[in-house]
Amino acid sequence: MLQRRRTMLLAPEGNQGGYGPGEMTSPSGPFKLLNLANEFERAGVTTYSIDLYTKILDKYPDTFEAVAARLALFLIANRYENEGKKETAISLIRRISTQK
């Protein structure tokens, strides 16, 4: 039974992730975009990370990566607010709110 569950987790049937053909492995797939956005954010290049997170929301709205991107954008907006950059935080929240 344990082996069967492991197999089910490792080998999904069909297209369960909401990805198109090749999107998981393509250079611009949601997983790679999310990793790239995270790297930019860790490096302190917040504007690029915001652009990539927003691109994920635009192109892949029904994926796990979109949920992670939305959370990351809210955390960035919260950081802006804590730094006293309230207008920037509000602008970012509005940008997120207009996404699907």
N, C-alpha and C. Protein backbone atom coordinates (compact mmCIF):
# COMPACT_ATOMS: atom_id res chain seq x y z
N MET A 1 0.82 -1.20 0.00
CA MET A 1 0.00 0.00 0.00
C MET A 1 0.87 1.27 0.00
N LEU A 2 1.93 1.26 0.81
CA LEU A 2 2.82 2.42 0.86
C LEU A 2 3.49 2.67 -0.49
N GLN A 3 3.90 1.60 -1.15
CA GLN A 3 4.53 1.74 -2.46
C GLN A 3 3.55 2.34 -3.47
N ARG A 4 2.30 1.93 -3.40
CA ARG A 4 1.28 2.45 -4.32
C ARG A 4 1.07 3.95 -4.09
N ARG A 5 1.03 4.39 -2.84
CA ARG A 5 0.86 5.82 -2.56
C ARG A 5 2.06 6.61 -3.06
N ARG A 6 3.24 6.07 -2.86
CA ARG A 6 4.45 6.75 -3.33
C ARG A 6 4.41 6.89 -4.85
N THR A 7 3.98 5.85 -5.53
CA THR A 7 3.87 5.89 -6.98
C THR A 7 2.85 6.93 -7.42
N MET A 8 1.74 7.03 -6.70
CA MET A 8 0.72 8.01 -7.05
C MET A 8 1.25 9.43 -6.89
N LEU A 9 2.08 9.65 -5.87
CA LEU A 9 2.63 10.98 -5.66
C LEU A 9 3.68 11.35 -6.70
N LEU A 10 4.46 10.38 -7.12
CA LEU A 10 5.56 10.65 -8.03
C LEU A 10 5.16 10.64 -9.49
N ALA A 11 4.10 9.95 -9.84
CA ALA A 11 3.70 9.82 -11.24
C ALA A 11 2.24 10.24 -11.42
N PRO A 12 1.97 11.55 -11.51
CA PRO A 12 0.58 11.99 -11.66
C PRO A 12 0.02 11.60 -13.02
N GLU A 13 -1.29 11.37 -13.02
CA GLU A 13 -1.97 11.04 -14.27
C GLU A 13 -2.46 12.32 -14.93
N GLY A 14 -2.33 12.39 -16.22
CA GLY A 14 -2.87 13.52 -16.98
C GLY A 14 -2.24 14.84 -16.59
N ASN A 15 -2.99 15.90 -16.80
CA ASN A 15 -2.51 17.26 -16.55
C ASN A 15 -3.19 17.78 -15.29
N GLN A 16 -2.69 17.40 -14.12
CA GLN A 16 -3.34 17.79 -12.87
C GLN A 16 -2.84 19.10 -12.32
N GLY A 17 -1.76 19.63 -12.85
CA GLY A 17 -1.19 20.86 -12.30
C GLY A 17 -1.69 22.11 -12.99
N GLY A 18 -2.48 22.01 -14.04
CA GLY A 18 -2.95 23.17 -14.76
C GLY A 18 -1.92 23.72 -15.73
N TYR A 19 -0.88 22.95 -16.02
CA TYR A 19 0.18 23.40 -16.90
C TYR A 19 -0.06 22.89 -18.32
N GLY A 20 0.38 23.66 -19.28
CA GLY A 20 0.34 23.22 -20.67
C GLY A 20 1.53 22.33 -20.96
N PRO A 21 1.58 21.75 -22.14
CA PRO A 21 2.70 20.88 -22.50
C PRO A 21 4.03 21.62 -22.42
N GLY A 22 4.97 21.07 -21.68
CA GLY A 22 6.30 21.63 -21.59
C GLY A 22 6.46 22.80 -20.65
N GLU A 23 5.40 23.26 -19.97
CA GLU A 23 5.51 24.44 -19.12
C GLU A 23 6.33 24.19 -17.86
N MET A 24 6.33 22.98 -17.36
CA MET A 24 7.12 22.69 -16.17
C MET A 24 8.61 22.74 -16.48
N THR A 25 8.98 22.42 -17.71
CA THR A 25 10.40 22.36 -18.05
C THR A 25 10.84 23.52 -18.93
N SER A 26 9.91 24.31 -19.43
CA SER A 26 10.30 25.43 -20.29
C SER A 26 10.94 26.53 -19.45
N PRO A 27 11.79 27.36 -20.07
CA PRO A 27 12.46 28.42 -19.32
C PRO A 27 11.50 29.45 -18.72
N SER A 28 10.29 29.54 -19.25
CA SER A 28 9.37 30.54 -18.73
C SER A 28 8.16 29.91 -18.05
N GLY A 29 8.23 28.62 -17.71
CA GLY A 29 7.13 27.97 -17.00
C GLY A 29 6.95 28.57 -15.62
N PRO A 30 5.79 28.36 -15.00
CA PRO A 30 5.51 29.00 -13.71
C PRO A 30 6.48 28.62 -12.60
N PHE A 31 6.91 27.36 -12.57
CA PHE A 31 7.84 26.91 -11.54
C PHE A 31 9.18 27.63 -11.66
N LYS A 32 9.68 27.73 -12.88
CA LYS A 32 10.97 28.40 -13.09
C LYS A 32 10.86 29.90 -12.85
N LEU A 33 9.74 30.49 -13.25
CA LEU A 33 9.54 31.92 -12.99
C LEU A 33 9.49 32.20 -11.49
N LEU A 34 8.82 31.34 -10.74
CA LEU A 34 8.73 31.51 -9.30
C LEU A 34 10.11 31.40 -8.66
N ASN A 35 10.89 30.42 -9.08
CA ASN A 35 12.25 30.28 -8.54
C ASN A 35 13.11 31.50 -8.88
N LEU A 36 12.98 31.99 -10.09
CA LEU A 36 13.74 33.17 -10.51
C LEU A 36 13.31 34.40 -9.70
N ALA A 37 12.02 34.56 -9.51
CA ALA A 37 11.52 35.69 -8.71
C ALA A 37 12.04 35.61 -7.28
N ASN A 38 12.04 34.41 -6.72
CA ASN A 38 12.56 34.23 -5.35
C ASN A 38 14.04 34.60 -5.28
N GLU A 39 14.81 34.19 -6.29
CA GLU A 39 16.24 34.52 -6.32
C GLU A 39 16.46 36.03 -6.40
N PHE A 40 15.69 36.70 -7.26
CA PHE A 40 15.81 38.16 -7.35
C PHE A 40 15.45 38.82 -6.02
N GLU A 41 14.40 38.32 -5.38
CA GLU A 41 14.00 38.91 -4.10
C GLU A 41 15.08 38.71 -3.04
N ARG A 42 15.65 37.52 -2.98
CA ARG A 42 16.73 37.26 -2.02
C ARG A 42 17.96 38.13 -2.30
N ALA A 43 18.19 38.44 -3.57
CA ALA A 43 19.33 39.28 -3.95
C ALA A 43 19.04 40.77 -3.73
N GLY A 44 17.81 41.09 -3.35
CA GLY A 44 17.47 42.49 -3.10
C GLY A 44 17.00 43.25 -4.31
N VAL A 45 16.74 42.55 -5.40
CA VAL A 45 16.26 43.20 -6.64
C VAL A 45 14.73 43.05 -6.67
N THR A 46 14.09 43.81 -5.81
CA THR A 46 12.65 43.65 -5.58
C THR A 46 11.82 44.00 -6.81
N THR A 47 12.22 44.99 -7.58
CA THR A 47 11.41 45.39 -8.74
C THR A 47 11.31 44.25 -9.76
N TYR A 48 12.42 43.54 -9.99
CA TYR A 48 12.37 42.40 -10.92
C TYR A 48 11.52 41.27 -10.35
N SER A 49 11.64 41.04 -9.06
CA SER A 49 10.84 39.96 -8.47
C SER A 49 9.35 40.29 -8.55
N ILE A 50 9.00 41.54 -8.33
CA ILE A 50 7.59 41.95 -8.45
C ILE A 50 7.09 41.72 -9.87
N ASP A 51 7.91 42.08 -10.86
CA ASP A 51 7.52 41.87 -12.26
C ASP A 51 7.31 40.39 -12.56
N LEU A 52 8.18 39.54 -12.05
CA LEU A 52 8.05 38.10 -12.31
C LEU A 52 6.85 37.51 -11.58
N TYR A 53 6.64 37.92 -10.32
CA TYR A 53 5.47 37.43 -9.59
C TYR A 53 4.18 37.84 -10.31
N THR A 54 4.15 39.07 -10.80
CA THR A 54 2.97 39.55 -11.53
C THR A 54 2.79 38.79 -12.84
N LYS A 55 3.89 38.47 -13.51
CA LYS A 55 3.81 37.70 -14.74
C LYS A 55 3.21 36.32 -14.47
N ILE A 56 3.57 35.72 -13.36
CA ILE A 56 2.99 34.42 -12.98
C ILE A 56 1.49 34.55 -12.80
N LEU A 57 1.05 35.61 -12.12
CA LEU A 57 -0.39 35.83 -11.91
C LEU A 57 -1.12 36.03 -13.23
N ASP A 58 -0.48 36.74 -14.17
CA ASP A 58 -1.10 36.99 -15.47
C ASP A 58 -1.20 35.73 -16.33
N LYS A 59 -0.08 35.02 -16.44
CA LYS A 59 -0.01 33.90 -17.38
C LYS A 59 -0.48 32.56 -16.81
N TYR A 60 -0.36 32.38 -15.49
CA TYR A 60 -0.68 31.08 -14.89
C TYR A 60 -1.54 31.27 -13.63
N PRO A 61 -2.71 31.88 -13.76
CA PRO A 61 -3.51 32.26 -12.59
C PRO A 61 -4.05 31.08 -11.78
N ASP A 62 -4.19 29.93 -12.37
CA ASP A 62 -4.80 28.79 -11.67
C ASP A 62 -3.78 27.76 -11.21
N THR A 63 -2.58 28.19 -10.91
CA THR A 63 -1.54 27.27 -10.49
C THR A 63 -1.13 27.53 -9.05
N PHE A 64 -0.46 26.55 -8.47
CA PHE A 64 0.10 26.72 -7.13
C PHE A 64 1.07 27.89 -7.11
N GLU A 65 1.84 28.05 -8.17
CA GLU A 65 2.81 29.13 -8.25
C GLU A 65 2.14 30.50 -8.17
N ALA A 66 0.93 30.61 -8.70
CA ALA A 66 0.19 31.88 -8.62
C ALA A 66 -0.18 32.18 -7.17
N VAL A 67 -0.54 31.16 -6.42
CA VAL A 67 -0.85 31.36 -5.00
C VAL A 67 0.41 31.83 -4.26
N ALA A 68 1.53 31.18 -4.54
CA ALA A 68 2.80 31.55 -3.91
C ALA A 68 3.22 32.96 -4.32
N ALA A 69 3.01 33.31 -5.59
CA ALA A 69 3.37 34.64 -6.08
C ALA A 69 2.52 35.71 -5.41
N ARG A 70 1.23 35.44 -5.27
CA ARG A 70 0.33 36.41 -4.62
C ARG A 70 0.76 36.63 -3.16
N LEU A 71 1.09 35.55 -2.46
CA LEU A 71 1.56 35.68 -1.08
C LEU A 71 2.85 36.48 -1.02
N ALA A 72 3.78 36.19 -1.92
CA ALA A 72 5.05 36.92 -1.95
C ALA A 72 4.82 38.41 -2.18
N LEU A 73 3.90 38.74 -3.08
CA LEU A 73 3.60 40.16 -3.36
C LEU A 73 2.98 40.84 -2.14
N PHE A 74 2.10 40.14 -1.44
CA PHE A 74 1.53 40.72 -0.22
C PHE A 74 2.61 40.94 0.84
N LEU A 75 3.55 40.02 0.95
CA LEU A 75 4.64 40.17 1.92
C LEU A 75 5.55 41.34 1.55
N ILE A 76 5.80 41.52 0.26
CA ILE A 76 6.60 42.66 -0.19
C ILE A 76 5.86 43.97 0.13
N ALA A 77 4.56 43.99 -0.14
CA ALA A 77 3.76 45.19 0.17
C ALA A 77 3.79 45.47 1.67
N ASN A 78 3.72 44.43 2.48
CA ASN A 78 3.78 44.59 3.92
C ASN A 78 5.13 45.16 4.35
N ARG A 79 6.19 44.68 3.72
CA ARG A 79 7.53 45.20 4.00
C ARG A 79 7.62 46.68 3.63
N TYR A 80 7.06 47.04 2.47
CA TYR A 80 7.04 48.44 2.06
C TYR A 80 6.31 49.29 3.10
N GLU A 81 5.18 48.80 3.55
CA GLU A 81 4.40 49.55 4.54
C GLU A 81 5.19 49.74 5.84
N ASN A 82 5.86 48.69 6.28
CA ASN A 82 6.67 48.77 7.51
C ASN A 82 7.85 49.73 7.37
N GLU A 83 8.33 49.89 6.13
CA GLU A 83 9.44 50.82 5.87
C GLU A 83 8.95 52.25 5.69
N GLY A 84 7.65 52.46 5.79
CA GLY A 84 7.10 53.80 5.63
C GLY A 84 6.78 54.17 4.19
N LYS A 85 6.87 53.22 3.28
CA LYS A 85 6.57 53.47 1.86
C LYS A 85 5.12 53.08 1.59
N LYS A 86 4.19 53.78 2.25
CA LYS A 86 2.78 53.41 2.18
C LYS A 86 2.19 53.53 0.78
N GLU A 87 2.59 54.57 0.02
CA GLU A 87 2.06 54.73 -1.33
C GLU A 87 2.48 53.56 -2.23
N THR A 88 3.72 53.13 -2.08
CA THR A 88 4.22 52.00 -2.87
C THR A 88 3.48 50.73 -2.48
N ALA A 89 3.25 50.55 -1.18
CA ALA A 89 2.52 49.37 -0.69
C ALA A 89 1.10 49.35 -1.23
N ILE A 90 0.44 50.50 -1.19
CA ILE A 90 -0.94 50.59 -1.69
C ILE A 90 -0.98 50.30 -3.18
N SER A 91 -0.03 50.85 -3.93
CA SER A 91 0.04 50.62 -5.36
C SER A 91 0.21 49.12 -5.67
N LEU A 92 1.07 48.46 -4.90
CA LEU A 92 1.29 47.04 -5.12
C LEU A 92 0.04 46.22 -4.78
N ILE A 93 -0.62 46.56 -3.69
CA ILE A 93 -1.86 45.85 -3.32
C ILE A 93 -2.91 46.04 -4.39
N ARG A 94 -3.02 47.24 -4.94
CA ARG A 94 -3.99 47.47 -6.03
C ARG A 94 -3.63 46.64 -7.25
N ARG A 95 -2.35 46.55 -7.54
CA ARG A 95 -1.88 45.75 -8.68
C ARG A 95 -2.25 44.28 -8.50
N ILE A 96 -2.08 43.77 -7.28
CA ILE A 96 -2.44 42.40 -6.98
C ILE A 96 -3.94 42.19 -7.09
N SER A 97 -4.70 43.16 -6.58
CA SER A 97 -6.16 43.05 -6.56
C SER A 97 -6.78 43.01 -7.95
N THR A 98 -6.13 43.61 -8.93
CA THR A 98 -6.68 43.62 -10.28
C THR A 98 -6.40 42.31 -11.02
N GLN A 99 -5.52 41.48 -10.45
CA GLN A 99 -5.23 40.18 -11.07
C GLN A 99 -6.39 39.24 -10.76
N LYS A 100 -6.49 38.19 -11.58
CA LYS A 100 -7.57 37.22 -11.41
C LYS A 100 -7.51 36.57 -10.05
